[in-house]
Amino acid sequence: MAQIKHIAISCQDVDATRNFYVDTMGLREVGKVTSANAEGYYLSDGNVNLAILHFKNDQAAGTERGTEWSGIHHIGFEVDSLSEITQKLAEVGSTPREDINAALSLHMGGHRTQNVEVKYRAPDGVTIDVSETGWVGTHGLEPELTIEA
């Protein structure tokens, strides 16, 4: 069974959004995102990774939303087997988000060690991440991580 382990929020002010979830809701900062595609933070309650992101280009954000869009951006599922979920997704007509996968260099040559491995289209325009390796902060609170990919 797939488990929800990651939710990403796209926003315009990553510091203010981070402060709200840390100071008000009690989440812990477990990582920072610094890349050509996005900047932001990874927060966690020890079970779910909440990414606070400001996308720097429309390709990484997905052109239907772009860099100026704010709100829940995507949901991530940790799965037991990428090959099994790939087959199940294909059977129901879910296709990879090749535009975003290419912009983020995802699913290009094997497994990643952490965070999303490939993005797909779900019904109603929702983007989902699938990963065998999970996200920082989803298996207990781990040391802080800086993502530069």
C-alpha atoms as a PDB file:
ATOM      1  CA  MET A   1       0.000   0.000   0.000  1.00  0.00           C
ATOM      2  CA  ALA A   2       1.240   3.472  -0.849  1.00  0.00           C
ATOM      3  CA  GLN A   3       1.550   5.908   2.046  1.00  0.00           C
ATOM      4  CA  ILE A   4       1.176   9.683   1.856  1.00  0.00           C
ATOM      5  CA  LYS A   5       4.578  10.935   2.984  1.00  0.00           C
ATOM      6  CA  HIS A   6       4.949  14.293   1.254  1.00  0.00           C
ATOM      7  CA  ILE A   7       2.908  17.405   0.509  1.00  0.00           C
ATOM      8  CA  ALA A   8       4.376  20.390  -1.320  1.00  0.00           C
ATOM      9  CA  ILE A   9       3.119  23.943  -1.020  1.00  0.00           C
ATOM     10  CA  SER A  10       4.095  26.460  -3.673  1.00  0.00           C
ATOM     11  CA  CYS A  11       4.325  29.977  -2.246  1.00  0.00           C
ATOM     12  CA  GLN A  12       5.803  33.400  -2.851  1.00  0.00           C
ATOM     13  CA  ASP A  13       7.401  33.941   0.599  1.00  0.00           C
ATOM     14  CA  VAL A  14       9.099  30.742   1.782  1.00  0.00           C
ATOM     15  CA  ASP A  15      10.328  32.297   5.037  1.00  0.00           C
ATOM     16  CA  ALA A  16       6.895  33.522   6.163  1.00  0.00           C
ATOM     17  CA  THR A  17       5.279  30.217   5.203  1.00  0.00           C
ATOM     18  CA  ARG A  18       8.026  28.229   6.940  1.00  0.00           C
ATOM     19  CA  ASN A  19       7.677  30.352  10.083  1.00  0.00           C
ATOM     20  CA  PHE A  20       3.918  29.771  10.207  1.00  0.00           C
ATOM     21  CA  TYR A  21       4.238  25.979  10.105  1.00  0.00           C
ATOM     22  CA  VAL A  22       7.216  25.890  12.504  1.00  0.00           C
ATOM     23  CA  ASP A  23       6.121  28.537  15.029  1.00  0.00           C
ATOM     24  CA  THR A  24       2.366  27.977  14.931  1.00  0.00           C
ATOM     25  CA  MET A  25       1.948  24.308  14.055  1.00  0.00           C
ATOM     26  CA  GLY A  26       5.116  22.981  15.723  1.00  0.00           C
ATOM     27  CA  LEU A  27       6.713  21.313  12.690  1.00  0.00           C
ATOM     28  CA  ARG A  28      10.486  20.957  12.623  1.00  0.00           C
ATOM     29  CA  GLU A  29      12.742  22.166   9.830  1.00  0.00           C
ATOM     30  CA  VAL A  30      14.571  19.117   8.490  1.00  0.00           C
ATOM     31  CA  GLY A  31      16.042  20.468   5.288  1.00  0.00           C
ATOM     32  CA  LYS A  32      16.561  23.349   2.897  1.00  0.00           C
ATOM     33  CA  VAL A  33      16.031  23.464  -0.849  1.00  0.00           C
ATOM     34  CA  THR A  34      18.526  25.483  -2.851  1.00  0.00           C
ATOM     35  CA  SER A  35      18.561  24.734  -6.558  1.00  0.00           C
ATOM     36  CA  ALA A  36      18.207  26.279  -9.979  1.00  0.00           C
ATOM     37  CA  ASN A  37      14.558  25.159  -9.933  1.00  0.00           C
ATOM     38  CA  ALA A  38      13.309  26.085  -6.461  1.00  0.00           C
ATOM     39  CA  GLU A  39      14.168  27.423  -3.035  1.00  0.00           C
ATOM     40  CA  GLY A  40      12.531  26.621   0.254  1.00  0.00           C
ATOM     41  CA  TYR A  41      12.362  24.292   3.213  1.00  0.00           C
ATOM     42  CA  TYR A  42      11.466  20.759   4.199  1.00  0.00           C
ATOM     43  CA  LEU A  43       9.466  20.552   7.413  1.00  0.00           C
ATOM     44  CA  SER A  44       8.267  17.439   9.237  1.00  0.00           C
ATOM     45  CA  ASP A  45       6.223  16.081  12.110  1.00  0.00           C
ATOM     46  CA  GLY A  46       8.288  12.874  11.949  1.00  0.00           C
ATOM     47  CA  ASN A  47       5.831  11.152   9.593  1.00  0.00           C
ATOM     48  CA  VAL A  48       5.065  13.536   6.726  1.00  0.00           C
ATOM     49  CA  ASN A  49       7.437  15.830   4.830  1.00  0.00           C
ATOM     50  CA  LEU A  50       5.944  19.260   4.073  1.00  0.00           C
ATOM     51  CA  ALA A  51       7.888  21.087   1.361  1.00  0.00           C
ATOM     52  CA  ILE A  52       7.601  24.870   1.304  1.00  0.00           C
ATOM     53  CA  LEU A  53       8.739  25.873  -2.187  1.00  0.00           C
ATOM     54  CA  HIS A  54       9.108  28.911  -4.376  1.00  0.00           C
ATOM     55  CA  PHE A  55       9.684  27.714  -7.923  1.00  0.00           C
ATOM     56  CA  LYS A  56      12.178  29.691  -9.990  1.00  0.00           C
ATOM     57  CA  ASN A  57      10.977  28.586 -13.430  1.00  0.00           C
ATOM     58  CA  ASP A  58       7.712  27.528 -15.010  1.00  0.00           C
ATOM     59  CA  GLN A  59       9.102  24.211 -16.261  1.00  0.00           C
ATOM     60  CA  ALA A  60       9.804  22.959 -12.728  1.00  0.00           C
ATOM     61  CA  ALA A  61       6.529  24.379 -11.402  1.00  0.00           C
ATOM     62  CA  GLY A  62       4.525  22.900 -14.255  1.00  0.00           C
ATOM     63  CA  THR A  63       3.427  25.316 -16.937  1.00  0.00           C
ATOM     64  CA  GLU A  64      -0.245  25.089 -15.946  1.00  0.00           C
ATOM     65  CA  ARG A  65       0.642  26.789 -12.642  1.00  0.00           C
ATOM     66  CA  GLY A  66       3.931  28.616 -13.141  1.00  0.00           C
ATOM     67  CA  THR A  67       6.093  30.433 -10.634  1.00  0.00           C
ATOM     68  CA  GLU A  68       3.432  32.872  -9.435  1.00  0.00           C
ATOM     69  CA  TRP A  69       0.933  30.217  -8.324  1.00  0.00           C
ATOM     70  CA  SER A  70       0.447  29.577  -4.592  1.00  0.00           C
ATOM     71  CA  GLY A  71      -1.241  26.594  -2.943  1.00  0.00           C
ATOM     72  CA  ILE A  72      -0.850  22.849  -2.576  1.00  0.00           C
ATOM     73  CA  HIS A  73       1.345  21.867  -5.509  1.00  0.00           C
ATOM     74  CA  HIS A  74       1.615  18.074  -5.305  1.00  0.00           C
ATOM     75  CA  ILE A  75       1.306  15.025  -3.047  1.00  0.00           C
ATOM     76  CA  GLY A  76       3.980  12.360  -2.612  1.00  0.00           C
ATOM     77  CA  PHE A  77       3.466   8.643  -2.039  1.00  0.00           C
ATOM     78  CA  GLU A  78       6.069   6.219  -0.738  1.00  0.00           C
ATOM     79  CA  VAL A  79       5.619   2.860  -2.464  1.00  0.00           C
ATOM     80  CA  ASP A  80       7.080  -0.601  -2.003  1.00  0.00           C
ATOM     81  CA  SER A  81       7.981  -0.992  -5.678  1.00  0.00           C
ATOM     82  CA  LEU A  82       8.415   1.602  -8.423  1.00  0.00           C
ATOM     83  CA  SER A  83       7.957  -1.057 -11.093  1.00  0.00           C
ATOM     84  CA  GLU A  84       4.638  -2.222  -9.599  1.00  0.00           C
ATOM     85  CA  ILE A  85       3.255   1.309  -9.194  1.00  0.00           C
ATOM     86  CA  THR A  86       4.430   2.226 -12.695  1.00  0.00           C
ATOM     87  CA  GLN A  87       2.389  -0.693 -14.060  1.00  0.00           C
ATOM     88  CA  LYS A  88      -0.685   0.187 -11.956  1.00  0.00           C
ATOM     89  CA  LEU A  89      -0.522   3.836 -12.998  1.00  0.00           C
ATOM     90  CA  ALA A  90      -0.253   2.858 -16.670  1.00  0.00           C
ATOM     91  CA  GLU A  91      -3.247   0.515 -16.329  1.00  0.00           C
ATOM     92  CA  VAL A  92      -5.467   3.400 -15.176  1.00  0.00           C
ATOM     93  CA  GLY A  93      -4.140   5.826 -17.787  1.00  0.00           C
ATOM     94  CA  SER A  94      -1.931   7.901 -15.489  1.00  0.00           C
ATOM     95  CA  THR A  95       1.032   9.202 -17.450  1.00  0.00           C
ATOM     96  CA  PRO A  96       4.364  10.575 -16.253  1.00  0.00           C
ATOM     97  CA  ARG A  97       4.716  14.362 -16.024  1.00  0.00           C
ATOM     98  CA  GLU A  98       7.521  14.299 -18.587  1.00  0.00           C
ATOM     99  CA  ASP A  99       7.668  18.114 -18.620  1.00  0.00           C
ATOM    100  CA  ILE A 100       8.387  18.386 -14.883  1.00  0.00           C
ATOM    101  CA  ASN A 101      10.425  15.153 -14.760  1.00  0.00           C
ATOM    102  CA  ALA A 102      12.732  16.538 -17.467  1.00  0.00           C
ATOM    103  CA  ALA A 103      13.021  19.968 -15.810  1.00  0.00           C
ATOM    104  CA  LEU A 104      14.022  18.302 -12.516  1.00  0.00           C
ATOM    105  CA  SER A 105      16.088  15.501 -14.132  1.00  0.00           C
ATOM    106  CA  LEU A 106      13.861  12.888 -12.500  1.00  0.00           C
ATOM    107  CA  HIS A 107      13.679   9.232 -13.524  1.00  0.00           C
ATOM    108  CA  MET A 108      16.771   9.670 -15.649  1.00  0.00           C
ATOM    109  CA  GLY A 109      19.102   6.825 -14.797  1.00  0.00           C
ATOM    110  CA  GLY A 110      18.068   4.915 -11.704  1.00  0.00           C
ATOM    111  CA  HIS A 111      16.870   5.482  -8.198  1.00  0.00           C
ATOM    112  CA  ARG A 112      17.533   8.579  -6.148  1.00  0.00           C
ATOM    113  CA  THR A 113      18.572   8.149  -2.546  1.00  0.00           C
ATOM    114  CA  GLN A 114      15.831  10.381  -1.167  1.00  0.00           C
ATOM    115  CA  ASN A 115      12.788  12.388  -2.252  1.00  0.00           C
ATOM    116  CA  VAL A 116      10.746  12.022  -5.412  1.00  0.00           C
ATOM    117  CA  GLU A 117      11.836   9.576  -8.081  1.00  0.00           C
ATOM    118  CA  VAL A 118       9.170  10.328 -10.702  1.00  0.00           C
ATOM    119  CA  LYS A 119       6.069  12.538 -11.059  1.00  0.00           C
ATOM    120  CA  TYR A 120       2.739  11.444 -12.590  1.00  0.00           C
ATOM    121  CA  ARG A 121      -0.639  12.880 -13.537  1.00  0.00           C
ATOM    122  CA  ALA A 122      -3.500  11.912 -11.257  1.00  0.00           C
ATOM    123  CA  PRO A 123      -7.171  12.712 -11.922  1.00  0.00           C
ATOM    124  CA  ASP A 124      -8.384  16.318 -11.835  1.00  0.00           C
ATOM    125  CA  GLY A 125      -4.999  17.799 -12.717  1.00  0.00           C
ATOM    126  CA  VAL A 126      -3.286  16.712  -9.495  1.00  0.00           C
ATOM    127  CA  THR A 127       0.436  15.940  -9.716  1.00  0.00           C
ATOM    128  CA  ILE A 128       1.745  13.069  -7.592  1.00  0.00           C
ATOM    129  CA  ASP A 129       5.250  11.982  -6.687  1.00  0.00           C
ATOM    130  CA  VAL A 130       6.132   8.320  -6.220  1.00  0.00           C
ATOM    131  CA  SER A 131       9.236   7.118  -4.416  1.00  0.00           C
ATOM    132  CA  GLU A 132      10.665   3.905  -2.990  1.00  0.00           C
ATOM    133  CA  THR A 133      13.194   5.815  -0.914  1.00  0.00           C
ATOM    134  CA  GLY A 134      10.906   8.298   0.847  1.00  0.00           C
ATOM    135  CA  TRP A 135      11.470  11.872   1.953  1.00  0.00           C
ATOM    136  CA  VAL A 136      13.583  13.445   4.667  1.00  0.00           C
ATOM    137  CA  GLY A 137      11.658  13.534   7.949  1.00  0.00           C
ATOM    138  CA  THR A 138       9.211  10.738   7.102  1.00  0.00           C
ATOM    139  CA  HIS A 139      10.823   8.007   9.170  1.00  0.00           C
ATOM    140  CA  GLY A 140      11.306   9.984  12.368  1.00  0.00           C
ATOM    141  CA  LEU A 141      13.039  13.290  12.654  1.00  0.00           C
ATOM    142  CA  GLU A 142      16.418  13.019  10.997  1.00  0.00           C
ATOM    143  CA  PRO A 143      19.312  15.485  10.899  1.00  0.00           C
ATOM    144  CA  GLU A 144      18.822  18.541   8.699  1.00  0.00           C
ATOM    145  CA  LEU A 145      19.539  18.116   4.984  1.00  0.00           C
ATOM    146  CA  THR A 146      20.351  20.629   2.242  1.00  0.00           C
ATOM    147  CA  ILE A 147      19.109  19.700  -1.226  1.00  0.00           C
ATOM    148  CA  GLU A 148      21.015  21.259  -4.109  1.00  0.00           C
ATOM    149  CA  ALA A 149      19.730  19.097  -6.956  1.00  0.00           C
END
